Amino acid sequence: MRVRAENTSGIYITKKKSFSHQNTPSELNTPGSRIRAARNEANLSIREIAALSGLTPEAISMMENGVHPPSLKSLRKISNCLNQPIYYLGCFEALPELTLGDRLKKARLFYGLTKEEAAQKLGVDAKSVMNWEANKVNPSKNHLSDIGHFVRIIEILNL
């Protein structure tokens, strides 16, 4: 069963209701292994997923074999084709949450956004997002509320 929920940023997140990173088999601990498993579950060949995603079969193969990690752009395309959450395929649930910067980066990747796209959603420049994620600068009080809404995705998905 899939649940579709809109967050305060206006981005729709689709998730499998039964998904939990605690019950993900340990052999599915890399983006490549998860992409391969999702592709096989969808009964698609590498050539078919490549055609659907606009990527080359060689690129898909290199991702699945861990030779070249998928870019965020590639993960977005594959996620859409396989109807799997980008955070799952990217193994983003394993990212740390020790600081506000960690939580911001994790949430950004859960949404499948670049720093520039996240900055646009938050109404700031990309350099601010980069500095916040690197814990170089703390956001102003004016931005904390927006960031709080943005990172809430982690709590919504119970990861």
N, C-alpha and C. Protein backbone atom coordinates (compact mmCIF):
# COMPACT_ATOMS: atom_id res chain seq x y z
N MET A 1 0.84 -1.18 0.00
CA MET A 1 0.00 0.00 0.00
C MET A 1 0.88 1.24 0.00
N ARG A 2 0.57 2.21 -0.84
CA ARG A 2 1.34 3.44 -0.91
C ARG A 2 0.52 4.59 -0.34
N VAL A 3 1.22 5.50 0.31
CA VAL A 3 0.59 6.67 0.90
C VAL A 3 1.20 7.89 0.22
N ARG A 4 0.37 8.82 -0.19
CA ARG A 4 0.85 10.04 -0.83
C ARG A 4 0.50 11.19 0.10
N ALA A 5 1.52 11.92 0.54
CA ALA A 5 1.29 13.02 1.48
C ALA A 5 2.01 14.26 1.00
N GLU A 6 1.37 15.41 1.15
CA GLU A 6 2.01 16.66 0.78
C GLU A 6 2.60 17.27 2.04
N ASN A 7 3.84 17.74 1.92
CA ASN A 7 4.44 18.42 3.06
C ASN A 7 4.25 19.92 2.89
N THR A 8 4.77 20.69 3.82
CA THR A 8 4.54 22.13 3.79
C THR A 8 5.27 22.82 2.66
N SER A 9 6.24 22.15 2.03
CA SER A 9 6.96 22.73 0.90
C SER A 9 6.22 22.52 -0.40
N GLY A 10 5.08 21.81 -0.37
CA GLY A 10 4.32 21.56 -1.58
C GLY A 10 4.85 20.41 -2.40
N ILE A 11 5.75 19.62 -1.83
CA ILE A 11 6.32 18.47 -2.52
C ILE A 11 5.57 17.23 -2.08
N TYR A 12 5.20 16.41 -3.04
CA TYR A 12 4.51 15.18 -2.71
C TYR A 12 5.52 14.08 -2.49
N ILE A 13 5.32 13.35 -1.43
CA ILE A 13 6.18 12.23 -1.09
C ILE A 13 5.32 10.98 -1.14
N THR A 14 5.78 9.99 -1.88
CA THR A 14 5.07 8.72 -1.94
C THR A 14 5.92 7.70 -1.21
N LYS A 15 5.30 6.94 -0.34
CA LYS A 15 6.06 5.93 0.37
C LYS A 15 5.21 4.68 0.52
N LYS A 16 5.92 3.57 0.64
CA LYS A 16 5.23 2.34 0.95
C LYS A 16 4.92 2.37 2.43
N LYS A 17 3.69 2.15 2.78
CA LYS A 17 3.29 2.22 4.18
C LYS A 17 4.06 1.20 5.02
N SER A 18 4.36 0.04 4.45
CA SER A 18 5.03 -1.00 5.22
C SER A 18 6.55 -0.85 5.23
N PHE A 19 7.10 0.13 4.52
CA PHE A 19 8.54 0.25 4.44
C PHE A 19 9.12 0.67 5.78
N SER A 20 10.19 0.03 6.15
CA SER A 20 10.95 0.41 7.32
C SER A 20 12.39 0.01 7.08
N HIS A 21 13.32 0.92 7.33
CA HIS A 21 14.71 0.57 7.09
C HIS A 21 15.18 -0.53 8.03
N GLN A 22 14.45 -0.76 9.11
CA GLN A 22 14.83 -1.84 10.01
C GLN A 22 14.58 -3.20 9.37
N ASN A 23 13.61 -3.31 8.46
CA ASN A 23 13.35 -4.61 7.86
C ASN A 23 13.92 -4.74 6.45
N THR A 24 14.81 -3.82 6.07
CA THR A 24 15.50 -3.94 4.79
C THR A 24 16.61 -4.96 4.97
N PRO A 25 16.67 -5.97 4.10
CA PRO A 25 17.74 -6.96 4.22
C PRO A 25 19.12 -6.31 4.18
N SER A 26 20.04 -6.85 4.94
CA SER A 26 21.37 -6.25 5.04
C SER A 26 22.11 -6.24 3.72
N GLU A 27 21.77 -7.15 2.79
CA GLU A 27 22.45 -7.14 1.49
C GLU A 27 21.99 -5.98 0.62
N LEU A 28 20.94 -5.30 1.02
CA LEU A 28 20.45 -4.13 0.28
C LEU A 28 20.91 -2.85 0.97
N ASN A 29 22.21 -2.74 1.17
CA ASN A 29 22.74 -1.60 1.91
C ASN A 29 23.50 -0.61 1.04
N THR A 30 23.39 -0.75 -0.27
CA THR A 30 24.02 0.20 -1.19
C THR A 30 22.98 0.65 -2.21
N PRO A 31 23.17 1.84 -2.77
CA PRO A 31 22.24 2.26 -3.82
C PRO A 31 22.20 1.27 -4.99
N GLY A 32 23.35 0.75 -5.38
CA GLY A 32 23.39 -0.19 -6.49
C GLY A 32 22.59 -1.45 -6.23
N SER A 33 22.72 -2.01 -5.02
CA SER A 33 21.98 -3.23 -4.71
C SER A 33 20.48 -2.96 -4.63
N ARG A 34 20.10 -1.79 -4.15
CA ARG A 34 18.69 -1.45 -4.07
C ARG A 34 18.09 -1.18 -5.45
N ILE A 35 18.86 -0.52 -6.31
CA ILE A 35 18.39 -0.28 -7.67
C ILE A 35 18.19 -1.61 -8.39
N ARG A 36 19.16 -2.50 -8.26
CA ARG A 36 19.05 -3.82 -8.91
C ARG A 36 17.83 -4.59 -8.39
N ALA A 37 17.66 -4.61 -7.07
CA ALA A 37 16.53 -5.33 -6.48
C ALA A 37 15.19 -4.74 -6.94
N ALA A 38 15.10 -3.42 -6.97
CA ALA A 38 13.85 -2.77 -7.40
C ALA A 38 13.60 -3.02 -8.89
N ARG A 39 14.66 -3.00 -9.68
CA ARG A 39 14.53 -3.28 -11.11
C ARG A 39 14.06 -4.70 -11.33
N ASN A 40 14.66 -5.64 -10.62
CA ASN A 40 14.25 -7.04 -10.74
C ASN A 40 12.82 -7.25 -10.26
N GLU A 41 12.45 -6.57 -9.18
CA GLU A 41 11.08 -6.66 -8.67
C GLU A 41 10.07 -6.16 -9.70
N ALA A 42 10.48 -5.17 -10.49
CA ALA A 42 9.62 -4.61 -11.53
C ALA A 42 9.71 -5.42 -12.83
N ASN A 43 10.51 -6.49 -12.81
CA ASN A 43 10.70 -7.34 -13.99
C ASN A 43 11.19 -6.55 -15.20
N LEU A 44 12.17 -5.69 -14.97
CA LEU A 44 12.75 -4.89 -16.04
C LEU A 44 14.21 -5.27 -16.24
N SER A 45 14.63 -5.30 -17.47
CA SER A 45 16.04 -5.52 -17.78
C SER A 45 16.79 -4.20 -17.63
N ILE A 46 18.10 -4.28 -17.65
CA ILE A 46 18.91 -3.06 -17.59
C ILE A 46 18.60 -2.18 -18.79
N ARG A 47 18.47 -2.78 -19.95
CA ARG A 47 18.15 -2.01 -21.17
C ARG A 47 16.78 -1.33 -21.05
N GLU A 48 15.81 -2.01 -20.47
CA GLU A 48 14.47 -1.43 -20.32
C GLU A 48 14.47 -0.26 -19.35
N ILE A 49 15.13 -0.40 -18.21
CA ILE A 49 15.16 0.71 -17.25
C ILE A 49 15.98 1.87 -17.82
N ALA A 50 17.00 1.55 -18.59
CA ALA A 50 17.79 2.60 -19.23
C ALA A 50 16.92 3.38 -20.21
N ALA A 51 16.14 2.68 -21.02
CA ALA A 51 15.27 3.35 -21.98
C ALA A 51 14.21 4.19 -21.27
N LEU A 52 13.65 3.68 -20.21
CA LEU A 52 12.63 4.42 -19.46
C LEU A 52 13.19 5.66 -18.77
N SER A 53 14.41 5.55 -18.28
CA SER A 53 15.00 6.63 -17.50
C SER A 53 15.79 7.64 -18.34
N GLY A 54 16.12 7.25 -19.56
CA GLY A 54 16.95 8.13 -20.39
C GLY A 54 18.43 8.01 -20.08
N LEU A 55 18.79 7.03 -19.28
CA LEU A 55 20.19 6.76 -18.97
C LEU A 55 20.69 5.65 -19.89
N THR A 56 21.98 5.45 -19.95
CA THR A 56 22.51 4.38 -20.78
C THR A 56 22.52 3.07 -20.00
N PRO A 57 22.44 1.94 -20.69
CA PRO A 57 22.56 0.66 -20.00
C PRO A 57 23.88 0.53 -19.25
N GLU A 58 24.94 1.10 -19.82
CA GLU A 58 26.25 1.06 -19.15
C GLU A 58 26.22 1.82 -17.83
N ALA A 59 25.55 2.97 -17.82
CA ALA A 59 25.46 3.76 -16.58
C ALA A 59 24.69 2.99 -15.52
N ILE A 60 23.58 2.38 -15.91
CA ILE A 60 22.78 1.59 -14.96
C ILE A 60 23.63 0.45 -14.42
N SER A 61 24.32 -0.25 -15.29
CA SER A 61 25.16 -1.37 -14.87
C SER A 61 26.25 -0.92 -13.90
N MET A 62 26.90 0.20 -14.21
CA MET A 62 27.96 0.70 -13.31
C MET A 62 27.39 1.09 -11.95
N MET A 63 26.18 1.66 -11.93
CA MET A 63 25.55 2.01 -10.65
C MET A 63 25.24 0.74 -9.86
N GLU A 64 24.63 -0.23 -10.52
CA GLU A 64 24.24 -1.45 -9.82
C GLU A 64 25.44 -2.22 -9.29
N ASN A 65 26.56 -2.15 -10.00
CA ASN A 65 27.76 -2.87 -9.58
C ASN A 65 28.67 -2.06 -8.66
N GLY A 66 28.24 -0.86 -8.29
CA GLY A 66 29.00 -0.04 -7.35
C GLY A 66 30.23 0.59 -7.95
N VAL A 67 30.36 0.56 -9.27
CA VAL A 67 31.52 1.15 -9.93
C VAL A 67 31.41 2.67 -9.91
N HIS A 68 30.20 3.16 -10.12
CA HIS A 68 29.95 4.60 -10.15
C HIS A 68 28.66 4.86 -9.38
N PRO A 69 28.73 5.59 -8.28
CA PRO A 69 27.50 5.85 -7.52
C PRO A 69 26.55 6.73 -8.33
N PRO A 70 25.25 6.52 -8.16
CA PRO A 70 24.29 7.33 -8.92
C PRO A 70 24.28 8.78 -8.44
N SER A 71 24.18 9.67 -9.39
CA SER A 71 24.02 11.09 -9.04
C SER A 71 22.59 11.29 -8.57
N LEU A 72 22.34 12.41 -7.95
CA LEU A 72 20.99 12.73 -7.49
C LEU A 72 20.04 12.79 -8.68
N LYS A 73 20.51 13.36 -9.79
CA LYS A 73 19.70 13.45 -11.00
C LYS A 73 19.34 12.06 -11.52
N SER A 74 20.31 11.15 -11.53
CA SER A 74 20.05 9.78 -11.99
C SER A 74 19.11 9.05 -11.03
N LEU A 75 19.32 9.25 -9.73
CA LEU A 75 18.43 8.63 -8.75
C LEU A 75 16.99 9.08 -8.93
N ARG A 76 16.80 10.35 -9.23
CA ARG A 76 15.45 10.86 -9.47
C ARG A 76 14.79 10.13 -10.64
N LYS A 77 15.53 9.99 -11.73
CA LYS A 77 15.00 9.33 -12.92
C LYS A 77 14.65 7.87 -12.63
N ILE A 78 15.57 7.18 -11.97
CA ILE A 78 15.37 5.76 -11.68
C ILE A 78 14.22 5.59 -10.68
N SER A 79 14.16 6.46 -9.69
CA SER A 79 13.10 6.42 -8.69
C SER A 79 11.72 6.54 -9.36
N ASN A 80 11.60 7.46 -10.28
CA ASN A 80 10.33 7.64 -10.99
C ASN A 80 9.97 6.41 -11.82
N CYS A 81 10.96 5.83 -12.49
CA CYS A 81 10.70 4.67 -13.35
C CYS A 81 10.33 3.43 -12.54
N LEU A 82 10.94 3.26 -11.39
CA LEU A 82 10.72 2.06 -10.57
C LEU A 82 9.65 2.26 -9.51
N ASN A 83 9.13 3.49 -9.41
CA ASN A 83 8.11 3.81 -8.41
C ASN A 83 8.59 3.45 -7.00
N GLN A 84 9.83 3.81 -6.74
CA GLN A 84 10.45 3.59 -5.43
C GLN A 84 10.87 4.94 -4.88
N PRO A 85 10.79 5.13 -3.57
CA PRO A 85 11.21 6.42 -3.00
C PRO A 85 12.69 6.66 -3.22
N ILE A 86 13.03 7.89 -3.54
CA ILE A 86 14.43 8.24 -3.79
C ILE A 86 15.28 8.02 -2.54
N TYR A 87 14.71 8.26 -1.36
CA TYR A 87 15.49 8.06 -0.14
C TYR A 87 15.85 6.60 0.05
N TYR A 88 14.98 5.70 -0.38
CA TYR A 88 15.27 4.27 -0.26
C TYR A 88 16.37 3.87 -1.24
N LEU A 89 16.22 4.23 -2.50
CA LEU A 89 17.23 3.86 -3.49
C LEU A 89 18.59 4.46 -3.17
N GLY A 90 18.61 5.65 -2.62
CA GLY A 90 19.87 6.32 -2.28
C GLY A 90 20.46 5.93 -0.95
N CYS A 91 19.75 5.09 -0.18
CA CYS A 91 20.19 4.69 1.17
C CYS A 91 20.33 5.90 2.10
N PHE A 92 19.50 6.89 1.90
CA PHE A 92 19.62 8.12 2.69
C PHE A 92 19.17 7.97 4.13
N GLU A 93 18.42 6.91 4.44
CA GLU A 93 18.00 6.72 5.83
C GLU A 93 19.19 6.46 6.75
N ALA A 94 20.32 6.06 6.17
CA ALA A 94 21.51 5.75 6.96
C ALA A 94 22.34 7.00 7.28
N LEU A 95 21.97 8.14 6.72
CA LEU A 95 22.74 9.36 6.97
C LEU A 95 22.57 9.80 8.42
N PRO A 96 23.61 10.43 8.98
CA PRO A 96 23.53 10.87 10.39
C PRO A 96 22.58 12.04 10.56
N GLU A 97 22.16 12.23 11.80
CA GLU A 97 21.27 13.35 12.16
C GLU A 97 21.77 14.05 13.42
N LEU A 98 23.07 14.12 13.59
CA LEU A 98 23.63 14.66 14.82
C LEU A 98 23.48 16.17 14.94
N THR A 99 23.52 16.87 13.82
CA THR A 99 23.43 18.32 13.85
C THR A 99 22.28 18.80 12.96
N LEU A 100 21.95 20.07 13.07
CA LEU A 100 20.93 20.64 12.20
C LEU A 100 21.37 20.53 10.75
N GLY A 101 22.66 20.72 10.49
CA GLY A 101 23.20 20.59 9.14
C GLY A 101 23.01 19.18 8.60
N ASP A 102 23.25 18.17 9.45
CA ASP A 102 23.03 16.78 9.05
C ASP A 102 21.57 16.54 8.69
N ARG A 103 20.67 17.05 9.53
CA ARG A 103 19.24 16.86 9.31
C ARG A 103 18.78 17.58 8.04
N LEU A 104 19.31 18.76 7.81
CA LEU A 104 18.97 19.52 6.60
C LEU A 104 19.42 18.76 5.35
N LYS A 105 20.65 18.25 5.36
CA LYS A 105 21.16 17.51 4.21
C LYS A 105 20.34 16.24 3.98
N LYS A 106 20.05 15.53 5.05
CA LYS A 106 19.26 14.31 4.93
C LYS A 106 17.89 14.60 4.36
N ALA A 107 17.23 15.63 4.85
CA ALA A 107 15.91 16.00 4.35
C ALA A 107 16.00 16.41 2.88
N ARG A 108 17.02 17.19 2.54
CA ARG A 108 17.18 17.63 1.15
C ARG A 108 17.30 16.44 0.22
N LEU A 109 18.10 15.46 0.62
CA LEU A 109 18.28 14.27 -0.20
C LEU A 109 17.01 13.41 -0.22
N PHE A 110 16.27 13.37 0.87
CA PHE A 110 15.00 12.64 0.90
C PHE A 110 14.04 13.21 -0.14
N TYR A 111 14.05 14.53 -0.28
CA TYR A 111 13.21 15.18 -1.28
C TYR A 111 13.77 14.99 -2.69
N GLY A 112 15.05 14.63 -2.78
CA GLY A 112 15.69 14.50 -4.09
C GLY A 112 16.09 15.84 -4.67
N LEU A 113 16.42 16.79 -3.80
CA LEU A 113 16.73 18.15 -4.24
C LEU A 113 18.22 18.44 -4.19
N THR A 114 18.68 19.22 -5.17
CA THR A 114 20.04 19.75 -5.12
C THR A 114 20.06 20.87 -4.08
N LYS A 115 21.24 21.34 -3.75
CA LYS A 115 21.34 22.46 -2.81
C LYS A 115 20.65 23.69 -3.37
N GLU A 116 20.78 23.89 -4.68
CA GLU A 116 20.14 25.05 -5.31
C GLU A 116 18.62 24.95 -5.23
N GLU A 117 18.08 23.76 -5.47
CA GLU A 117 16.63 23.57 -5.41
C GLU A 117 16.11 23.72 -3.98
N ALA A 118 16.87 23.20 -3.02
CA ALA A 118 16.48 23.34 -1.61
C ALA A 118 16.51 24.81 -1.21
N ALA A 119 17.53 25.52 -1.67
CA ALA A 119 17.64 26.95 -1.36
C ALA A 119 16.43 27.70 -1.88
N GLN A 120 16.00 27.36 -3.08
CA GLN A 120 14.82 28.01 -3.66
C GLN A 120 13.58 27.73 -2.81
N LYS A 121 13.42 26.48 -2.37
CA LYS A 121 12.25 26.13 -1.53
C LYS A 121 12.29 26.88 -0.21
N LEU A 122 13.51 27.09 0.32
CA LEU A 122 13.65 27.75 1.62
C LEU A 122 13.75 29.28 1.50
N GLY A 123 13.81 29.79 0.27
CA GLY A 123 13.87 31.23 0.06
C GLY A 123 15.20 31.85 0.43
N VAL A 124 16.28 31.08 0.23
CA VAL A 124 17.63 31.57 0.52
C VAL A 124 18.52 31.26 -0.67
N ASP A 125 19.79 31.65 -0.58
CA ASP A 125 20.71 31.29 -1.67
C ASP A 125 21.38 29.95 -1.37
N ALA A 126 21.91 29.35 -2.41
CA ALA A 126 22.51 28.01 -2.30
C ALA A 126 23.70 28.01 -1.34
N LYS A 127 24.41 29.13 -1.27
CA LYS A 127 25.56 29.21 -0.36
C LYS A 127 25.12 29.07 1.09
N SER A 128 23.95 29.60 1.42
CA SER A 128 23.43 29.46 2.79
C SER A 128 23.18 28.00 3.10
N VAL A 129 22.53 27.29 2.19
CA VAL A 129 22.26 25.86 2.40
C VAL A 129 23.57 25.11 2.55
N MET A 130 24.54 25.41 1.68
CA MET A 130 25.84 24.75 1.74
C MET A 130 26.50 24.99 3.11
N ASN A 131 26.48 26.22 3.59
CA ASN A 131 27.09 26.54 4.88
C ASN A 131 26.34 25.92 6.05
N TRP A 132 25.01 25.88 5.97
CA TRP A 132 24.22 25.26 7.04
C TRP A 132 24.50 23.76 7.09
N GLU A 133 24.53 23.11 5.93
CA GLU A 133 24.78 21.66 5.90
C GLU A 133 26.18 21.33 6.40
N ALA A 134 27.14 22.21 6.16
CA ALA A 134 28.51 22.00 6.61
C ALA A 134 28.70 22.44 8.05
N ASN A 135 27.63 22.93 8.67
CA ASN A 135 27.67 23.43 10.05
C ASN A 135 28.68 24.56 10.23
N LYS A 136 28.90 25.33 9.16
CA LYS A 136 29.80 26.48 9.22
C LYS A 136 29.10 27.70 9.79
N VAL A 137 27.80 27.80 9.51
CA VAL A 137 27.00 28.95 9.93
C VAL A 137 25.66 28.42 10.43
N ASN A 138 25.16 29.00 11.50
CA ASN A 138 23.83 28.66 11.98
C ASN A 138 22.80 29.54 11.29
N PRO A 139 21.66 28.98 10.93
CA PRO A 139 20.62 29.79 10.31
C PRO A 139 20.07 30.82 11.29
N SER A 140 19.59 31.93 10.74
CA SER A 140 18.99 32.96 11.58
C SER A 140 17.66 32.45 12.13
N LYS A 141 17.18 33.12 13.14
CA LYS A 141 15.89 32.74 13.72
C LYS A 141 14.77 32.82 12.68
N ASN A 142 14.90 33.73 11.74
CA ASN A 142 13.89 33.88 10.69
C ASN A 142 13.80 32.62 9.82
N HIS A 143 14.90 31.92 9.64
CA HIS A 143 14.92 30.74 8.77
C HIS A 143 14.68 29.42 9.51
N LEU A 144 14.81 29.43 10.82
CA LEU A 144 14.67 28.18 11.58
C LEU A 144 13.31 27.52 11.42
N SER A 145 12.25 28.31 11.37
CA SER A 145 10.91 27.73 11.21
C SER A 145 10.77 27.04 9.86
N ASP A 146 11.24 27.69 8.79
CA ASP A 146 11.17 27.08 7.46
C ASP A 146 12.01 25.80 7.41
N ILE A 147 13.17 25.84 8.02
CA ILE A 147 14.03 24.66 8.04
C ILE A 147 13.37 23.54 8.84
N GLY A 148 12.72 23.91 9.94
CA GLY A 148 12.02 22.92 10.76
C GLY A 148 10.94 22.20 9.96
N HIS A 149 10.18 22.94 9.17
CA HIS A 149 9.16 22.33 8.32
C HIS A 149 9.81 21.45 7.26
N PHE A 150 10.92 21.91 6.72
CA PHE A 150 11.62 21.19 5.65
C PHE A 150 12.16 19.85 6.16
N VAL A 151 12.75 19.82 7.34
CA VAL A 151 13.35 18.59 7.85
C VAL A 151 12.32 17.65 8.49
N ARG A 152 11.11 18.09 8.60
CA ARG A 152 10.07 17.25 9.20
C ARG A 152 9.83 15.96 8.42
N ILE A 153 10.25 15.91 7.17
CA ILE A 153 10.09 14.72 6.33
C ILE A 153 10.70 13.49 7.01
N ILE A 154 11.78 13.70 7.71
CA ILE A 154 12.44 12.58 8.39
C ILE A 154 11.52 11.97 9.43
N GLU A 155 10.82 12.82 10.17
CA GLU A 155 9.87 12.36 11.18
C GLU A 155 8.63 11.75 10.54
N ILE A 156 8.15 12.36 9.46
CA ILE A 156 6.97 11.86 8.77
C ILE A 156 7.18 10.42 8.29
N LEU A 157 8.37 10.16 7.78
CA LEU A 157 8.67 8.84 7.24
C LEU A 157 9.20 7.89 8.30
N ASN A 158 9.29 8.35 9.54
CA ASN A 158 9.73 7.52 10.67
C ASN A 158 11.08 6.88 10.42
N LEU A 159 12.03 7.66 9.95
CA LEU A 159 13.37 7.12 9.70
C LEU A 159 14.37 7.77 10.61
